[in-house]
Amino acid sequence: MNFITAGESHGPQLTGIIEGLPAGLPIDVEQINAALAARQGGYGRGNRQKIEHDQVQIVGGVRHGVTLGSPIALTIQNRDHANWSAIMDPVSPATPENSVRKVEHPRPGHADLVGGMKYDHRDLRNVLERSSARETAMRVAIGNLCEQLLAALDIHLVGFVQQVGSIKVTANSSLSVQQIKAAIKQNDLRILNQEQVPAIHQLIDDTKRAGDSLGGTIRVIAENVPAGLGSYISWDTKLDGKIAGAVMGVNAMKGVSFGDGFADAEHPGSQIMDQIDYHKGTGFSRLSNHLGGFEGGMTNGMPIIVNAAMKPIPTLYKPLQTVDINSKEKLKANVERSDVTAIVPASIVVENVVAIELAKVITDTFESASLVRLKAGVAQYRKHNADF
């Protein structure tokens, strides 16, 4: 299974193609749109989200609400393109009139300058339009298709916020995916502790007034993932490595860990290794999950726990120093419309890229041309593991 996306932030639309999903999977378009709406929400978002009301259109690979096994093509219209149609026209030659939003003052922490150097762009808008996190809307749409496949195999996952700026969320760490989903719906921060919502709101408001931005941390938990997905036989077959790479491919991510993550390094092995248990009928399990569901690059049957650290958004309303790429004069960076923090939508994006990687490894591991045969293969494999 693989996918590709195309489109610019203020271009006409985002386009995505995913191939390798089995035939016979019922698709709930409203579920995709609900995920897209959730990605646009969250406290600290900017004015762009007041313009866009993302809705997916399936233009290939699905008939009468069921996948055909052929590549699935998706589009999401950019409503804001109406305000940028001349500037972002794909075919009209550049003129002074349609180049009025030219970017020559790169933002520190963004792809602007390095992208311009690599691709030899003198207008850095050519970089920022594609490097924008707007592209993640399509990854959420594709990821939700994968989540629907995983749900058909009784695998469920959720992404939520664990920290905003300096405020760490304190909460029960033993909740199920369904319990977490219910709890994070109670606020606009996707956090588990309702009592901390006012303090985080205040932090975001204060940061906005200061013209600054905030990052944070995210956790994704996936339940009922069969043991043995991924492999130890070669470095590039390790599933935790693939998930880490996918998460780092999300805009602004600066760190990934599994389970207790970097805290594992602070303790002796006797406190970190997850002891093995056995129960007849269900098979092997672990007495803890410090390692986040992975051993040797393979799932071990425990819930997968992925942690991600997001840097603050580079666009600041009190911009930092930069250098004009033409005159080399020191001045202030460009200011593009942005958020104070995008940690809430980022938790949804990271959830969906994890879903994509899980769907990839499952469709690569089992015969997956048909959902019926895929479900039978996964069920047989689960039974093998229980009887081992």
Protein backbone atom coordinates (compact mmCIF):
# COMPACT_ATOMS: atom_id res chain seq x y z
CA MET A 1 0.00 0.00 0.00
CA ASN A 2 1.26 3.49 -0.77
CA PHE A 3 -0.04 7.01 -1.28
CA ILE A 4 0.87 10.39 -2.69
CA THR A 5 -0.51 13.89 -2.21
CA ALA A 6 -0.32 17.00 -4.38
CA GLY A 7 -1.41 20.61 -4.12
CA GLU A 8 -0.42 23.96 -2.64
CA SER A 9 -1.80 25.76 0.40
CA HIS A 10 -3.64 28.41 -1.66
CA GLY A 11 -3.94 26.36 -4.84
CA PRO A 12 -7.27 25.15 -6.23
CA GLN A 13 -7.33 21.86 -4.30
CA LEU A 14 -5.45 19.13 -2.54
CA THR A 15 -5.29 15.80 -4.31
CA GLY A 16 -4.46 12.37 -2.91
CA ILE A 17 -4.15 8.89 -4.36
CA ILE A 18 -3.90 5.74 -2.24
CA GLU A 19 -3.46 2.30 -3.73
CA GLY A 20 -3.46 -1.06 -2.01
CA LEU A 21 -6.62 -0.90 0.07
CA PRO A 22 -8.59 -4.14 -0.32
CA ALA A 23 -11.74 -4.42 -2.35
CA GLY A 24 -14.99 -4.70 -0.43
CA LEU A 25 -14.31 -2.13 2.32
CA PRO A 26 -17.40 0.01 3.02
CA ILE A 27 -16.41 3.70 3.13
CA ASP A 28 -18.11 6.23 5.37
CA VAL A 29 -17.46 9.62 3.76
CA GLU A 30 -18.99 11.46 6.71
CA GLN A 31 -16.42 9.87 8.99
CA ILE A 32 -13.65 11.27 6.79
CA ASN A 33 -15.27 14.70 6.86
CA ALA A 34 -15.63 14.54 10.65
CA ALA A 35 -11.89 13.89 10.92
CA LEU A 36 -11.20 16.83 8.58
CA ALA A 37 -13.45 19.09 10.67
CA ALA A 38 -11.68 18.00 13.84
CA ARG A 39 -8.33 18.84 12.24
CA GLN A 40 -9.57 22.39 11.64
CA GLY A 41 -10.62 22.84 15.27
CA GLY A 42 -8.81 23.34 18.54
CA TYR A 43 -8.06 26.35 20.70
CA GLY A 44 -5.33 28.56 19.27
CA ARG A 45 -6.17 28.18 15.59
CA GLY A 46 -5.99 31.11 13.16
CA ASN A 47 -8.42 32.77 10.76
CA ARG A 48 -7.72 30.41 7.83
CA GLN A 49 -9.96 27.84 9.52
CA LYS A 50 -12.89 30.29 9.36
CA ILE A 51 -12.61 30.19 5.56
CA GLU A 52 -12.03 26.49 4.92
CA HIS A 53 -14.74 23.93 5.59
CA ASP A 54 -12.95 20.84 4.39
CA GLN A 55 -15.01 18.20 2.61
CA VAL A 56 -13.54 15.24 0.77
CA GLN A 57 -14.65 14.19 -2.69
CA ILE A 58 -13.91 10.64 -3.80
CA VAL A 59 -13.30 10.64 -7.55
CA GLY A 60 -11.99 7.13 -8.13
CA GLY A 61 -11.63 3.67 -6.65
CA VAL A 62 -14.98 3.54 -4.82
CA ARG A 63 -18.36 2.55 -6.21
CA HIS A 64 -21.65 2.61 -4.32
CA GLY A 65 -19.76 3.28 -1.10
CA VAL A 66 -17.44 0.25 -1.37
CA THR A 67 -13.78 0.10 -2.41
CA LEU A 68 -12.99 -1.58 -5.73
CA GLY A 69 -9.37 -2.54 -5.01
CA SER A 70 -8.16 0.01 -7.55
CA PRO A 71 -6.38 3.26 -6.57
CA ILE A 72 -8.63 5.62 -4.62
CA ALA A 73 -8.44 9.27 -5.71
CA LEU A 74 -9.50 12.05 -3.33
CA THR A 75 -9.79 15.82 -3.60
CA ILE A 76 -10.32 18.59 -1.06
CA GLN A 77 -11.15 22.03 -2.40
CA ASN A 78 -9.27 25.05 -1.02
CA ARG A 79 -11.98 27.67 -0.57
CA ASP A 80 -9.40 30.36 0.10
CA HIS A 81 -8.14 29.87 -3.46
CA ALA A 82 -10.88 32.26 -4.57
CA ASN A 83 -8.86 35.03 -2.90
CA TRP A 84 -5.61 33.83 -4.48
CA SER A 85 -6.72 32.67 -7.93
CA ALA A 86 -4.50 35.09 -9.88
CA ILE A 87 -1.51 34.74 -7.58
CA MET A 88 -1.70 30.92 -7.63
CA ASP A 89 -2.84 30.46 -11.24
CA PRO A 90 -1.18 27.25 -12.45
CA VAL A 91 -0.83 28.26 -16.11
CA SER A 92 -0.77 32.07 -16.52
CA PRO A 93 2.73 33.59 -16.82
CA ALA A 94 4.03 35.61 -13.86
CA THR A 95 3.37 39.37 -14.08
CA PRO A 96 3.85 42.23 -11.61
CA GLU A 97 0.08 42.15 -11.03
CA ASN A 98 -0.11 38.45 -10.06
CA SER A 99 3.16 38.40 -8.10
CA VAL A 100 2.13 40.89 -5.43
CA ARG A 101 2.54 38.37 -2.59
CA LYS A 102 6.13 37.56 -3.42
CA VAL A 103 8.16 36.31 -0.43
CA GLU A 104 11.80 37.37 -0.14
CA HIS A 105 12.17 37.53 3.64
CA PRO A 106 12.40 33.89 4.85
CA ARG A 107 11.04 32.91 8.26
CA PRO A 108 13.46 31.33 10.76
CA GLY A 109 12.43 27.74 11.47
CA HIS A 110 10.48 27.36 8.22
CA ALA A 111 11.40 25.70 4.91
CA ASP A 112 11.45 29.08 3.13
CA LEU A 113 15.18 29.78 2.82
CA VAL A 114 16.55 26.25 2.46
CA GLY A 115 13.81 25.31 -0.01
CA GLY A 116 14.63 28.38 -2.09
CA MET A 117 18.31 27.48 -2.09
CA LYS A 118 17.64 23.85 -3.06
CA TYR A 119 15.12 24.49 -5.85
CA ASP A 120 16.54 27.86 -6.93
CA HIS A 121 13.32 29.79 -6.26
CA ARG A 122 13.65 33.57 -6.04
CA ASP A 123 10.05 33.86 -4.84
CA LEU A 124 9.92 31.82 -1.64
CA ARG A 125 6.15 31.52 -1.95
CA ASN A 126 6.98 28.62 -4.27
CA VAL A 127 8.38 26.87 -1.20
CA LEU A 128 5.97 27.81 1.56
CA GLU A 129 2.87 26.96 -0.49
CA ARG A 130 3.83 23.28 -0.55
CA SER A 131 5.69 23.09 2.77
CA SER A 132 2.61 24.48 4.53
CA ALA A 133 0.78 22.18 6.94
CA ARG A 134 -2.30 22.64 4.77
CA GLU A 135 -1.13 19.47 2.96
CA THR A 136 -1.86 17.44 6.10
CA ALA A 137 -5.59 17.75 5.43
CA MET A 138 -5.16 15.20 2.66
CA ARG A 139 -3.08 12.94 4.89
CA VAL A 140 -5.93 13.02 7.40
CA ALA A 141 -8.40 12.01 4.68
CA ILE A 142 -6.15 9.15 3.55
CA GLY A 143 -5.43 8.20 7.15
CA ASN A 144 -9.11 8.02 7.95
CA LEU A 145 -9.60 5.55 5.10
CA CYS A 146 -6.89 3.49 6.79
CA GLU A 147 -8.59 3.88 10.17
CA GLN A 148 -11.78 2.51 8.66
CA LEU A 149 -9.83 -0.50 7.38
CA LEU A 150 -8.22 -1.01 10.80
CA ALA A 151 -11.61 -0.77 12.52
CA ALA A 152 -12.89 -3.53 10.21
CA LEU A 153 -10.05 -5.64 11.67
CA ASP A 154 -10.96 -4.58 15.24
CA ILE A 155 -7.90 -2.32 15.60
CA HIS A 156 -8.58 1.11 17.06
CA LEU A 157 -6.42 4.16 17.76
CA VAL A 158 -6.60 7.72 19.02
CA GLY A 159 -4.31 10.75 19.15
CA PHE A 160 -4.46 13.33 21.93
CA VAL A 161 -2.50 16.21 23.46
CA GLN A 162 -0.21 15.60 26.42
CA GLN A 163 1.46 18.99 26.75
CA VAL A 164 0.97 22.56 25.50
CA GLY A 165 3.96 24.82 25.94
CA SER A 166 5.19 24.38 29.50
CA ILE A 167 1.97 22.81 30.81
CA LYS A 168 1.99 19.01 31.05
CA VAL A 169 -1.37 17.28 31.26
CA THR A 170 -1.78 14.99 34.25
CA ALA A 171 -4.22 12.14 33.70
CA ASN A 172 -4.96 8.46 34.16
CA SER A 173 -2.55 6.54 31.93
CA SER A 174 -4.52 3.27 31.87
CA LEU A 175 -7.57 4.41 29.89
CA SER A 176 -8.74 2.49 26.83
CA VAL A 177 -8.90 4.06 23.38
CA GLN A 178 -12.68 4.42 23.66
CA GLN A 179 -12.40 6.05 27.09
CA ILE A 180 -9.79 8.48 25.77
CA LYS A 181 -11.98 9.37 22.79
CA ALA A 182 -14.89 10.13 25.10
CA ALA A 183 -12.76 12.26 27.43
CA ILE A 184 -11.06 14.43 24.80
CA LYS A 185 -14.41 15.31 23.22
CA GLN A 186 -15.24 17.26 26.36
CA ASN A 187 -12.87 20.13 25.53
CA ASP A 188 -11.27 21.96 22.60
CA LEU A 189 -7.72 20.91 23.48
CA ARG A 190 -8.01 17.12 23.12
CA ILE A 191 -6.61 16.67 26.64
CA LEU A 192 -7.65 14.15 29.30
CA ASN A 193 -7.73 16.46 32.31
CA GLN A 194 -10.68 18.86 32.09
CA GLU A 195 -9.43 20.85 35.10
CA GLN A 196 -6.36 22.01 33.16
CA VAL A 197 -8.32 23.51 30.25
CA PRO A 198 -8.57 27.07 31.73
CA ALA A 199 -4.84 27.26 32.45
CA ILE A 200 -3.93 26.15 28.93
CA HIS A 201 -6.45 28.55 27.40
CA GLN A 202 -4.83 31.35 29.39
CA LEU A 203 -1.35 30.34 28.24
CA ILE A 204 -2.48 30.37 24.58
CA ASP A 205 -4.20 33.76 25.01
CA ASP A 206 -1.11 35.27 26.65
CA THR A 207 1.10 33.88 23.91
CA LYS A 208 -1.15 35.32 21.22
CA ARG A 209 -1.00 38.77 22.81
CA ALA A 210 2.80 38.48 22.86
CA GLY A 211 2.84 37.70 19.12
CA ASP A 212 4.48 34.35 19.86
CA SER A 213 3.67 30.66 19.26
CA LEU A 214 3.57 27.38 21.20
CA GLY A 215 4.45 23.75 20.60
CA GLY A 216 3.65 20.69 22.67
CA THR A 217 3.59 16.92 22.81
CA ILE A 218 1.19 14.32 21.44
CA ARG A 219 0.46 10.68 22.22
CA VAL A 220 -1.13 8.10 19.92
CA ILE A 221 -2.37 4.77 21.30
CA ALA A 222 -3.38 1.84 19.08
CA GLU A 223 -5.13 -1.16 20.62
CA ASN A 224 -5.55 -4.79 19.56
CA VAL A 225 -2.67 -4.74 17.09
CA PRO A 226 -1.50 -8.31 16.43
CA ALA A 227 1.94 -9.33 17.66
CA GLY A 228 4.64 -9.80 15.03
CA LEU A 229 3.96 -6.94 12.62
CA GLY A 230 7.24 -5.60 11.30
CA SER A 231 10.47 -7.60 11.40
CA TYR A 232 13.87 -7.83 13.04
CA ILE A 233 15.63 -9.24 9.95
CA SER A 234 16.78 -5.89 8.54
CA TRP A 235 16.91 -2.31 9.79
CA ASP A 236 14.44 -1.07 7.20
CA THR A 237 11.81 -3.68 8.08
CA LYS A 238 11.37 -2.51 11.68
CA LEU A 239 7.85 -1.15 12.09
CA ASP A 240 8.69 1.27 14.88
CA GLY A 241 11.30 2.81 12.57
CA LYS A 242 8.71 3.23 9.82
CA ILE A 243 6.22 4.82 12.21
CA ALA A 244 8.91 7.14 13.56
CA GLY A 245 9.76 8.22 10.03
CA ALA A 246 6.11 8.86 9.18
CA VAL A 247 5.59 10.93 12.32
CA MET A 248 8.73 12.97 11.64
CA GLY A 249 7.26 13.63 8.19
CA VAL A 250 4.50 15.68 9.82
CA ASN A 251 5.17 19.41 9.81
CA ALA A 252 6.99 20.79 12.86
CA MET A 253 7.68 17.43 14.54
CA LYS A 254 11.08 17.38 16.24
CA GLY A 255 11.03 14.15 18.22
CA VAL A 256 9.42 10.71 18.36
CA SER A 257 9.51 8.03 21.05
CA PHE A 258 7.64 4.89 22.04
CA GLY A 259 6.19 3.91 25.39
CA ASP A 260 8.07 5.63 28.21
CA GLY A 261 10.42 7.02 25.57
CA PHE A 262 13.48 8.88 26.80
CA ALA A 263 12.53 8.13 30.42
CA ASP A 264 13.58 4.51 29.74
CA ALA A 265 17.18 5.70 29.64
CA GLU A 266 16.97 6.88 33.26
CA HIS A 267 16.15 3.49 34.80
CA PRO A 268 17.83 0.08 35.06
CA GLY A 269 16.65 -2.72 32.81
CA SER A 270 14.89 -4.49 35.66
CA GLN A 271 12.42 -1.59 35.82
CA ILE A 272 11.92 -1.17 32.08
CA MET A 273 11.70 -4.59 30.44
CA ASP A 274 8.08 -5.73 30.15
CA GLN A 275 7.86 -9.12 31.86
CA ILE A 276 6.16 -11.89 29.92
CA ASP A 277 2.97 -13.59 31.07
CA TYR A 278 0.82 -16.38 29.64
CA HIS A 279 -2.85 -17.33 29.84
CA LYS A 280 -4.29 -20.38 28.12
CA GLY A 281 -6.69 -19.36 25.37
CA THR A 282 -5.31 -15.85 24.91
CA GLY A 283 -1.60 -16.66 24.80
CA PHE A 284 1.33 -14.46 25.73
CA SER A 285 1.13 -10.91 27.08
CA ARG A 286 3.24 -8.45 29.07
CA LEU A 287 2.83 -7.32 32.68
CA SER A 288 3.66 -3.71 31.71
CA ASN A 289 4.13 -1.63 28.57
CA HIS A 290 7.18 0.56 29.13
CA LEU A 291 8.42 -0.23 25.61
CA GLY A 292 5.24 0.96 23.91
CA GLY A 293 4.22 -2.29 22.25
CA PHE A 294 7.49 -2.95 20.37
CA GLU A 295 10.35 -5.42 20.76
CA GLY A 296 12.95 -5.93 18.06
CA GLY A 297 11.12 -3.61 15.68
CA MET A 298 8.01 -5.79 15.90
CA THR A 299 4.68 -5.34 17.64
CA ASN A 300 4.42 -7.54 20.73
CA GLY A 301 0.63 -7.50 21.14
CA MET A 302 0.51 -4.74 23.73
CA PRO A 303 -1.01 -1.35 22.83
CA ILE A 304 1.26 0.70 20.59
CA ILE A 305 2.20 3.97 22.27
CA VAL A 306 3.74 6.69 20.08
CA ASN A 307 4.86 10.06 21.46
CA ALA A 308 5.65 13.09 19.30
CA ALA A 309 7.14 16.50 20.14
CA MET A 310 6.05 19.49 18.06
CA LYS A 311 8.04 22.71 17.88
CA PRO A 312 6.25 26.08 18.03
CA ILE A 313 4.96 27.34 14.67
CA PRO A 314 7.67 29.38 12.88
CA THR A 315 5.34 32.21 11.77
CA LEU A 316 5.38 34.88 14.49
CA TYR A 317 3.30 38.05 14.55
CA LYS A 318 6.31 39.72 16.15
CA PRO A 319 8.74 38.33 13.57
CA LEU A 320 12.38 37.47 14.15
CA GLN A 321 15.42 38.68 12.27
CA THR A 322 16.08 37.38 8.79
CA VAL A 323 17.94 38.49 5.66
CA ASP A 324 16.46 39.60 2.34
CA ILE A 325 17.51 36.97 -0.22
CA ASN A 326 18.25 39.65 -2.85
CA SER A 327 19.66 42.70 -1.04
CA LYS A 328 21.11 40.64 1.87
CA GLU A 329 19.79 43.36 4.17
CA LYS A 330 18.95 42.31 7.74
CA LEU A 331 15.28 42.87 8.53
CA LYS A 332 12.18 41.16 9.94
CA ALA A 333 10.79 37.90 8.53
CA ASN A 334 7.61 37.64 6.49
CA VAL A 335 4.35 37.31 8.41
CA GLU A 336 1.92 34.78 6.94
CA ARG A 337 -1.50 34.08 8.43
CA SER A 338 -0.97 31.41 11.05
CA ASP A 339 -1.99 29.85 14.38
CA VAL A 340 -0.75 30.49 17.90
CA THR A 341 -0.53 26.74 18.29
CA ALA A 342 -1.51 23.82 16.08
CA ILE A 343 -0.93 21.10 18.66
CA VAL A 344 -4.60 20.06 18.62
CA PRO A 345 -4.85 19.45 14.85
CA ALA A 346 -1.36 17.96 14.94
CA SER A 347 -2.60 15.26 17.31
CA ILE A 348 -5.17 14.26 14.68
CA VAL A 349 -2.60 14.33 11.89
CA VAL A 350 -0.15 12.17 13.84
CA GLU A 351 -2.95 9.72 14.68
CA ASN A 352 -3.70 9.39 10.99
CA VAL A 353 -0.13 8.90 9.81
CA VAL A 354 0.24 6.12 12.41
CA ALA A 355 -2.96 4.60 11.00
CA ILE A 356 -1.45 4.73 7.50
CA GLU A 357 1.67 2.86 8.62
CA LEU A 358 -0.39 0.20 10.42
CA ALA A 359 -2.58 -0.27 7.35
CA LYS A 360 0.55 -0.51 5.19
CA VAL A 361 2.15 -3.26 7.27
CA ILE A 362 -1.09 -5.23 7.51
CA THR A 363 -1.82 -5.12 3.78
CA ASP A 364 1.82 -6.02 3.08
CA THR A 365 1.81 -8.91 5.57
CA PHE A 366 -1.48 -10.57 4.65
CA GLU A 367 -3.24 -11.34 1.38
CA SER A 368 -5.22 -8.14 0.95
CA ALA A 369 -6.84 -7.94 -2.47
CA SER A 370 -10.20 -8.62 -0.79
CA LEU A 371 -11.39 -7.49 2.64
CA VAL A 372 -12.99 -10.90 3.19
CA ARG A 373 -9.67 -12.70 2.68
CA LEU A 374 -7.76 -10.07 4.65
CA LYS A 375 -10.07 -10.46 7.65
CA ALA A 376 -9.77 -14.24 7.44
CA GLY A 377 -5.98 -14.04 7.27
CA VAL A 378 -5.71 -11.71 10.26
CA ALA A 379 -8.12 -13.86 12.28
CA GLN A 380 -6.13 -17.01 11.48
CA TYR A 381 -2.90 -15.25 12.46
CA ARG A 382 -4.39 -14.08 15.77
CA LYS A 383 -5.39 -17.67 16.51
CA HIS A 384 -1.87 -18.86 15.64
CA ASN A 385 -0.42 -16.38 18.11
CA ALA A 386 -2.88 -17.38 20.84
CA ASP A 387 -2.02 -21.06 20.35
CA PHE A 388 1.77 -20.57 20.10
